[in-house]
Amino acid sequence: MDEAGLELRVQGFFNVESGRFAIGNSFYPECDCLSDLFGQSQCSECPRGNSGAVGFPSGDGDGIYVAAAIIDPSEPRTTLGLLAVFDYQYQMASAVRKEIADELVPDFPIELAMQFEDTLALKIGTINVDRTLLIGDGHFAHDSNFAVLDFPNPPAGQYTCITYCEEVDTDFQPTIERLQRTQGLDPVSAERALAASQAGFDAVRTALGIDESAQRMPAFIPRAVVALSTQLSHLIEKDEIETEEWNLLQAQFSYGKVDTSHRQQMTDSTIWQNAMLAREWDRAAGDIDDATAKILLFDLWTWLYQGRELGDEDCTNYLKNFKYQPTVEEQIYLLVRRGMYEAASNLQ
């Protein structure tokens, strides 16, 4: 990307609570297909199946992950693509949060991302983008309780989604050591979790028609994903992982892999951090015209409005600091931008 003159602009944080992420072109109503979203959506019951959504496992499972817009510095409000990294133990999120706490616009923590530089490319699908580009938990939908990132002004067209995957040793002891390193598990807990996942896979093996010789765990862990517009087609890499049996791969990730699980949902804190990031972008803008100032203000308010709607006191109290009160139409926009359709309809 450096050679192409492109930059990474930290867009914010998104929380994953289901062990899977999704990239989409809109907030759609809840659908049963979300439970099985793996790769390109094939749903015939909702618009996700019309190149509207792509989903895949998110690294070691649940987490708060950092995503960046891929931009041309000459047009910083146009998104040519996105990049998200699925690290572990909140490494990148913590680094970005520290810069925000120091009242700085954060740089994308590329040094931390480079720990996954040897990952292998795997195409997982395409998205047809019209007005917006989104990334969030694999179950995000209308009125869902997640912090879902939207990216400004993506050029309309097809976006190619590629994951970059870390090859892992699936033998028992190396897996135990990896779980200790990436998930912070002690040896006993790691052995117990791995034994449970292996037993779970064996319990469904016959029902799913999986051959007895197939291994229980996937041989790789997704560590990053990009969604690239046609303008960035020169950056699209060929698959470096051969995966013909997607049903087997889905079963391995669903039943055989040990995932990190949040003890409690992390939406409120993720929304608040996105609001504070938007505040720093606003502060750093300096002398700007009224139209740009309004865009930056709405980038902040949209998170505060979602937080308030979900009952977060920090967001509720912060909104009291503003003298200007948005119009009903503006409030509807702020809520719809976060997928809060029911709250928006209550204003009409």
Protein backbone atom coordinates (compact mmCIF):
# COMPACT_ATOMS: atom_id res chain seq x y z
CA MET A 1 0.00 0.00 0.00
CA ASP A 2 2.91 2.33 0.66
CA GLU A 3 4.08 1.94 -2.93
CA ALA A 4 0.58 2.82 -4.14
CA GLY A 5 0.58 6.01 -2.03
CA LEU A 6 -2.24 4.76 0.18
CA GLU A 7 -2.68 5.24 3.92
CA LEU A 8 -4.52 3.55 6.79
CA ARG A 9 -6.89 5.81 8.73
CA VAL A 10 -8.07 4.39 12.06
CA GLN A 11 -11.84 4.16 11.69
CA GLY A 12 -12.56 2.74 15.10
CA PHE A 13 -13.33 -0.37 17.11
CA PHE A 14 -15.91 -3.12 16.68
CA ASN A 15 -16.81 -5.80 19.20
CA VAL A 16 -17.26 -9.45 18.31
CA GLU A 17 -19.40 -11.54 20.66
CA SER A 18 -20.13 -14.57 18.48
CA GLY A 19 -16.62 -15.54 17.43
CA ARG A 20 -17.35 -14.35 13.89
CA PHE A 21 -17.28 -11.06 12.01
CA ALA A 22 -19.35 -9.91 9.07
CA ILE A 23 -18.79 -7.34 6.35
CA GLY A 24 -21.94 -5.97 4.76
CA ASN A 25 -23.40 -3.24 2.59
CA SER A 26 -26.32 -2.36 4.89
CA PHE A 27 -28.09 -3.15 8.14
CA TYR A 28 -30.69 -5.78 7.28
CA PRO A 29 -33.41 -7.33 9.48
CA GLU A 30 -32.62 -10.37 11.60
CA CYS A 31 -32.55 -13.61 9.63
CA ASP A 32 -31.86 -17.25 10.46
CA CYS A 33 -29.02 -17.17 7.93
CA LEU A 34 -26.84 -15.25 10.40
CA SER A 35 -26.27 -18.41 12.44
CA ASP A 36 -24.68 -20.09 9.41
CA LEU A 37 -22.92 -17.14 7.77
CA PHE A 38 -19.57 -18.55 6.66
CA GLY A 39 -17.95 -17.01 3.62
CA GLN A 40 -20.33 -15.59 1.01
CA SER A 41 -23.94 -15.38 2.17
CA GLN A 42 -26.14 -17.76 0.16
CA CYS A 43 -29.39 -16.70 1.81
CA SER A 44 -32.49 -16.63 -0.42
CA GLU A 45 -34.69 -15.12 2.28
CA CYS A 46 -32.94 -11.76 2.80
CA PRO A 47 -30.80 -9.30 0.80
CA ARG A 48 -27.57 -10.63 2.33
CA GLY A 49 -27.63 -13.41 -0.24
CA ASN A 50 -27.40 -10.89 -3.08
CA SER A 51 -23.72 -10.08 -2.44
CA GLY A 52 -24.84 -8.24 0.69
CA ALA A 53 -22.78 -9.96 3.37
CA VAL A 54 -19.65 -12.00 3.95
CA GLY A 55 -18.78 -13.62 7.27
CA PHE A 56 -15.91 -15.60 8.78
CA PRO A 57 -14.33 -16.50 12.15
CA SER A 58 -12.55 -13.64 13.91
CA GLY A 59 -9.12 -14.76 15.04
CA ASP A 60 -9.27 -16.48 18.42
CA GLY A 61 -12.94 -15.62 18.89
CA ASP A 62 -14.55 -12.72 20.73
CA GLY A 63 -12.67 -9.47 21.03
CA ILE A 64 -12.52 -5.75 20.45
CA TYR A 65 -10.81 -5.25 17.13
CA VAL A 66 -9.40 -2.20 15.35
CA ALA A 67 -10.34 -1.43 11.75
CA ALA A 68 -8.88 1.13 9.37
CA ALA A 69 -10.09 2.75 6.19
CA ILE A 70 -7.76 2.43 3.24
CA ILE A 71 -7.56 5.93 1.75
CA ASP A 72 -5.79 8.12 -0.76
CA PRO A 73 -4.40 11.02 1.34
CA SER A 74 -5.69 13.48 -1.25
CA GLU A 75 -9.27 12.28 -0.57
CA PRO A 76 -9.31 11.33 3.14
CA ARG A 77 -13.12 11.11 3.34
CA THR A 78 -13.34 8.48 0.58
CA THR A 79 -12.94 4.83 1.59
CA LEU A 80 -11.23 2.67 -1.02
CA GLY A 81 -11.24 -0.36 1.24
CA LEU A 82 -11.00 -1.54 4.82
CA LEU A 83 -8.53 -3.51 6.93
CA ALA A 84 -9.24 -5.17 10.27
CA VAL A 85 -6.78 -7.21 12.32
CA PHE A 86 -7.82 -10.05 14.65
CA ASP A 87 -5.07 -9.98 17.21
CA TYR A 88 -5.32 -11.37 20.72
CA GLN A 89 -5.64 -10.01 24.25
CA TYR A 90 -6.67 -6.56 22.97
CA GLN A 91 -3.14 -5.62 21.85
CA MET A 92 -4.08 -3.20 19.10
CA ALA A 93 -7.21 -1.90 20.79
CA SER A 94 -5.17 -1.07 23.90
CA ALA A 95 -2.54 0.76 21.87
CA VAL A 96 -5.15 2.88 20.07
CA ARG A 97 -7.05 3.55 23.30
CA LYS A 98 -3.86 4.84 24.94
CA GLU A 99 -3.36 7.41 22.18
CA ILE A 100 -6.99 8.52 22.47
CA ALA A 101 -6.60 8.84 26.25
CA ASP A 102 -3.58 11.08 25.57
CA GLU A 103 -5.93 13.21 23.42
CA LEU A 104 -4.22 12.26 20.18
CA VAL A 105 -5.53 11.09 16.83
CA PRO A 106 -4.14 7.54 16.82
CA ASP A 107 -1.92 6.09 14.15
CA PHE A 108 -2.76 2.63 12.94
CA PRO A 109 -0.52 0.33 15.07
CA ILE A 110 1.24 -1.23 12.11
CA GLU A 111 4.05 -2.66 14.24
CA LEU A 112 1.56 -4.85 16.10
CA ALA A 113 -0.16 -5.83 12.87
CA MET A 114 3.17 -6.93 11.39
CA GLN A 115 3.33 -9.89 13.79
CA PHE A 116 1.00 -11.50 11.25
CA GLU A 117 3.00 -10.60 8.14
CA ASP A 118 3.54 -14.26 7.21
CA THR A 119 -0.17 -15.03 6.95
CA LEU A 120 -1.69 -16.55 3.80
CA ALA A 121 -4.47 -15.08 1.65
CA LEU A 122 -7.91 -16.69 1.31
CA LYS A 123 -10.77 -15.05 -0.60
CA ILE A 124 -14.06 -15.40 1.30
CA GLY A 125 -16.48 -13.49 -0.94
CA THR A 126 -17.53 -10.20 -2.49
CA ILE A 127 -19.79 -7.32 -1.46
CA ASN A 128 -21.75 -5.10 -3.83
CA VAL A 129 -21.49 -1.65 -2.27
CA ASP A 130 -23.93 1.13 -3.04
CA ARG A 131 -23.92 3.64 -0.16
CA THR A 132 -22.09 2.19 2.80
CA LEU A 133 -19.56 -0.41 3.91
CA LEU A 134 -19.87 -2.02 7.36
CA ILE A 135 -17.93 -4.41 9.59
CA GLY A 136 -19.06 -5.83 12.92
CA ASP A 137 -20.12 -8.95 14.77
CA GLY A 138 -21.33 -11.77 12.54
CA HIS A 139 -24.89 -11.28 13.83
CA PHE A 140 -25.25 -7.54 13.26
CA ALA A 141 -28.67 -6.55 11.97
CA HIS A 142 -31.43 -4.00 12.59
CA ASP A 143 -31.41 -2.85 16.22
CA SER A 144 -28.64 -5.27 17.22
CA ASN A 145 -26.59 -4.61 20.31
CA PHE A 146 -23.14 -4.26 18.69
CA ALA A 147 -20.71 -1.49 17.79
CA VAL A 148 -20.67 -1.78 14.00
CA LEU A 149 -18.24 0.43 12.07
CA ASP A 150 -19.31 2.30 8.96
CA PHE A 151 -16.83 3.72 6.47
CA PRO A 152 -17.33 7.09 4.74
CA ASN A 153 -18.09 7.45 1.06
CA PRO A 154 -17.06 4.09 -0.39
CA PRO A 155 -17.10 4.18 -4.21
CA ALA A 156 -19.99 2.09 -5.52
CA GLY A 157 -19.08 -1.29 -6.96
CA GLN A 158 -17.84 -4.72 -6.00
CA TYR A 159 -15.51 -5.15 -3.03
CA THR A 160 -13.39 -8.30 -2.73
CA CYS A 161 -13.02 -9.70 0.80
CA ILE A 162 -9.81 -11.56 1.61
CA THR A 163 -8.75 -13.00 4.96
CA TYR A 164 -5.11 -13.44 5.88
CA CYS A 165 -4.61 -16.61 7.88
CA GLU A 166 -1.96 -17.88 10.27
CA GLU A 167 -1.05 -21.53 9.79
CA VAL A 168 -1.10 -23.40 13.10
CA ASP A 169 0.02 -26.77 14.39
CA THR A 170 -3.12 -28.77 15.23
CA ASP A 171 -1.39 -31.36 17.40
CA PHE A 172 -2.53 -31.41 21.02
CA GLN A 173 0.49 -30.00 22.86
CA PRO A 174 1.33 -27.20 20.38
CA THR A 175 -2.34 -26.18 20.52
CA ILE A 176 -2.20 -26.04 24.32
CA GLU A 177 0.87 -23.80 24.13
CA ARG A 178 -0.83 -21.54 21.58
CA LEU A 179 -3.93 -21.18 23.74
CA GLN A 180 -1.75 -20.17 26.67
CA ARG A 181 -0.01 -17.53 24.56
CA THR A 182 -2.97 -16.10 22.69
CA GLN A 183 -5.85 -16.55 25.12
CA GLY A 184 -4.02 -16.38 28.43
CA LEU A 185 -5.28 -19.78 29.56
CA ASP A 186 -3.40 -21.76 32.17
CA PRO A 187 -2.33 -25.28 31.07
CA VAL A 188 -5.16 -27.07 32.88
CA SER A 189 -7.85 -24.75 31.49
CA ALA A 190 -6.35 -25.01 27.99
CA GLU A 191 -6.36 -28.81 28.11
CA ARG A 192 -9.94 -28.87 29.38
CA ALA A 193 -11.14 -26.43 26.67
CA LEU A 194 -9.36 -28.32 23.90
CA ALA A 195 -10.68 -31.70 25.07
CA ALA A 196 -14.23 -30.29 25.16
CA SER A 197 -14.00 -28.88 21.63
CA GLN A 198 -12.60 -32.13 20.27
CA ALA A 199 -15.40 -34.08 21.93
CA GLY A 200 -17.93 -31.63 20.51
CA PHE A 201 -16.60 -32.13 16.99
CA ASP A 202 -16.66 -35.91 17.35
CA ALA A 203 -20.28 -35.72 18.55
CA VAL A 204 -21.43 -34.11 15.29
CA ARG A 205 -18.98 -35.80 12.91
CA THR A 206 -21.35 -38.57 11.81
CA ALA A 207 -24.43 -36.34 11.63
CA LEU A 208 -22.55 -33.93 9.35
CA GLY A 209 -21.17 -36.73 7.17
CA ILE A 210 -17.55 -35.90 7.96
CA ASP A 211 -15.00 -38.60 7.23
CA GLU A 212 -13.33 -40.23 10.23
CA SER A 213 -9.90 -39.28 8.88
CA ALA A 214 -10.68 -35.54 8.86
CA GLN A 215 -8.93 -33.58 11.57
CA ARG A 216 -11.03 -31.85 14.21
CA MET A 217 -9.42 -28.42 14.11
CA PRO A 218 -8.81 -25.96 11.27
CA ALA A 219 -5.19 -25.71 10.19
CA PHE A 220 -5.23 -21.91 10.24
CA ILE A 221 -6.54 -18.94 12.23
CA PRO A 222 -7.83 -15.80 10.42
CA ARG A 223 -5.71 -12.85 11.55
CA ALA A 224 -6.84 -10.03 9.24
CA VAL A 225 -9.40 -9.18 6.61
CA VAL A 226 -9.47 -6.64 3.82
CA ALA A 227 -12.34 -5.49 1.62
CA LEU A 228 -10.94 -3.92 -1.53
CA SER A 229 -12.81 -1.82 -4.09
CA THR A 230 -12.23 -2.21 -7.80
CA GLN A 231 -9.91 0.82 -7.57
CA LEU A 232 -7.61 -1.38 -5.50
CA SER A 233 -7.90 -4.48 -7.67
CA HIS A 234 -4.13 -4.44 -8.16
CA LEU A 235 -3.77 -5.32 -4.47
CA ILE A 236 -5.95 -8.44 -4.68
CA GLU A 237 -3.87 -11.56 -4.05
CA LYS A 238 -4.52 -15.06 -5.29
CA ASP A 239 -5.58 -17.69 -2.77
CA GLU A 240 -2.61 -19.16 -0.90
CA ILE A 241 -4.74 -21.68 1.00
CA GLU A 242 -6.45 -24.54 -0.82
CA THR A 243 -9.88 -25.03 0.73
CA GLU A 244 -12.25 -27.09 -1.38
CA GLU A 245 -14.31 -28.59 1.47
CA TRP A 246 -15.98 -25.49 2.93
CA ASN A 247 -18.51 -27.59 4.85
CA LEU A 248 -15.67 -29.37 6.66
CA LEU A 249 -13.91 -26.08 7.33
CA GLN A 250 -17.10 -24.57 8.74
CA ALA A 251 -17.57 -27.57 11.03
CA GLN A 252 -13.96 -27.34 12.22
CA PHE A 253 -14.38 -23.69 13.14
CA SER A 254 -17.83 -24.20 14.66
CA TYR A 255 -17.12 -27.29 16.76
CA GLY A 256 -13.40 -28.12 16.84
CA LYS A 257 -11.77 -24.75 17.51
CA VAL A 258 -11.34 -23.27 20.99
CA ASP A 259 -12.65 -19.69 21.00
CA THR A 260 -12.21 -16.85 23.43
CA SER A 261 -15.58 -15.79 24.87
CA HIS A 262 -16.33 -12.51 26.60
CA ARG A 263 -17.69 -12.88 30.12
CA GLN A 264 -19.95 -9.93 29.38
CA GLN A 265 -20.81 -8.11 26.19
CA MET A 266 -18.40 -5.26 25.38
CA THR A 267 -20.70 -3.04 23.33
CA ASP A 268 -20.96 -0.09 25.72
CA SER A 269 -17.22 0.36 26.15
CA THR A 270 -16.64 -0.05 22.40
CA ILE A 271 -19.25 2.59 21.55
CA TRP A 272 -17.70 4.99 24.05
CA GLN A 273 -14.21 4.51 22.62
CA ASN A 274 -15.55 5.18 19.12
CA ALA A 275 -17.13 8.40 20.40
CA MET A 276 -13.83 9.48 21.97
CA LEU A 277 -11.98 8.69 18.73
CA ALA A 278 -14.47 10.83 16.79
CA ARG A 279 -13.90 13.62 19.32
CA GLU A 280 -10.14 13.54 18.63
CA TRP A 281 -10.68 13.65 14.87
CA ASP A 282 -12.93 16.67 15.44
CA ARG A 283 -10.38 18.42 17.65
CA ALA A 284 -7.54 17.77 15.21
CA ALA A 285 -9.44 19.24 12.26
CA GLY A 286 -8.59 22.81 13.23
CA ASP A 287 -10.10 25.64 11.15
CA ILE A 288 -12.65 24.02 8.83
CA ASP A 289 -15.77 25.03 6.94
CA ASP A 290 -19.22 24.55 8.46
CA ALA A 291 -20.10 21.57 6.29
CA THR A 292 -16.99 19.62 7.33
CA ALA A 293 -17.52 20.61 10.96
CA LYS A 294 -21.04 19.16 10.82
CA ILE A 295 -19.78 15.90 9.34
CA LEU A 296 -17.24 15.52 12.15
CA LEU A 297 -19.83 16.43 14.77
CA PHE A 298 -22.23 13.82 13.42
CA ASP A 299 -19.41 11.25 13.43
CA LEU A 300 -19.30 11.82 17.19
CA TRP A 301 -23.02 12.14 17.80
CA THR A 302 -23.98 8.95 15.98
CA TRP A 303 -22.06 6.92 18.59
CA LEU A 304 -23.37 8.98 21.49
CA TYR A 305 -26.94 8.51 20.28
CA GLN A 306 -26.51 4.75 20.02
CA GLY A 307 -24.94 4.64 23.47
CA ARG A 308 -27.76 6.69 24.95
CA GLU A 309 -30.35 4.49 23.30
CA LEU A 310 -28.70 1.44 24.88
CA GLY A 311 -28.71 3.09 28.31
CA ASP A 312 -25.04 4.06 28.60
CA GLU A 313 -24.64 6.85 31.17
CA ASP A 314 -21.35 8.19 29.75
CA CYS A 315 -22.94 8.81 26.35
CA THR A 316 -26.12 10.21 27.89
CA ASN A 317 -24.21 12.68 30.05
CA TYR A 318 -21.83 13.71 27.28
CA LEU A 319 -24.72 14.69 25.03
CA LYS A 320 -25.89 17.17 27.67
CA ASN A 321 -22.79 19.28 26.95
CA PHE A 322 -24.07 20.40 23.54
CA LYS A 323 -26.22 23.49 23.15
CA TYR A 324 -27.23 22.68 19.57
CA GLN A 325 -30.05 20.18 19.32
CA PRO A 326 -30.29 18.28 16.02
CA THR A 327 -33.54 18.30 14.11
CA VAL A 328 -35.77 15.24 14.07
CA GLU A 329 -34.48 14.37 10.60
CA GLU A 330 -30.90 14.64 11.82
CA GLN A 331 -31.61 12.45 14.84
CA ILE A 332 -33.16 9.83 12.58
CA TYR A 333 -30.01 9.89 10.43
CA LEU A 334 -27.77 9.48 13.50
CA LEU A 335 -29.72 6.44 14.70
CA VAL A 336 -30.17 4.79 11.29
CA ARG A 337 -26.44 5.11 10.70
CA ARG A 338 -25.96 2.81 13.70
CA GLY A 339 -28.70 0.42 12.61
CA MET A 340 -31.11 1.61 15.33
CA TYR A 341 -34.21 1.50 13.14
CA GLU A 342 -36.78 1.03 15.86
CA ALA A 343 -35.50 4.03 17.81
CA ALA A 344 -35.48 6.09 14.62
CA SER A 345 -39.06 5.11 13.77
CA ASN A 346 -40.19 6.24 17.23
CA LEU A 347 -39.09 9.79 16.36
CA GLN A 348 -41.31 10.03 13.30
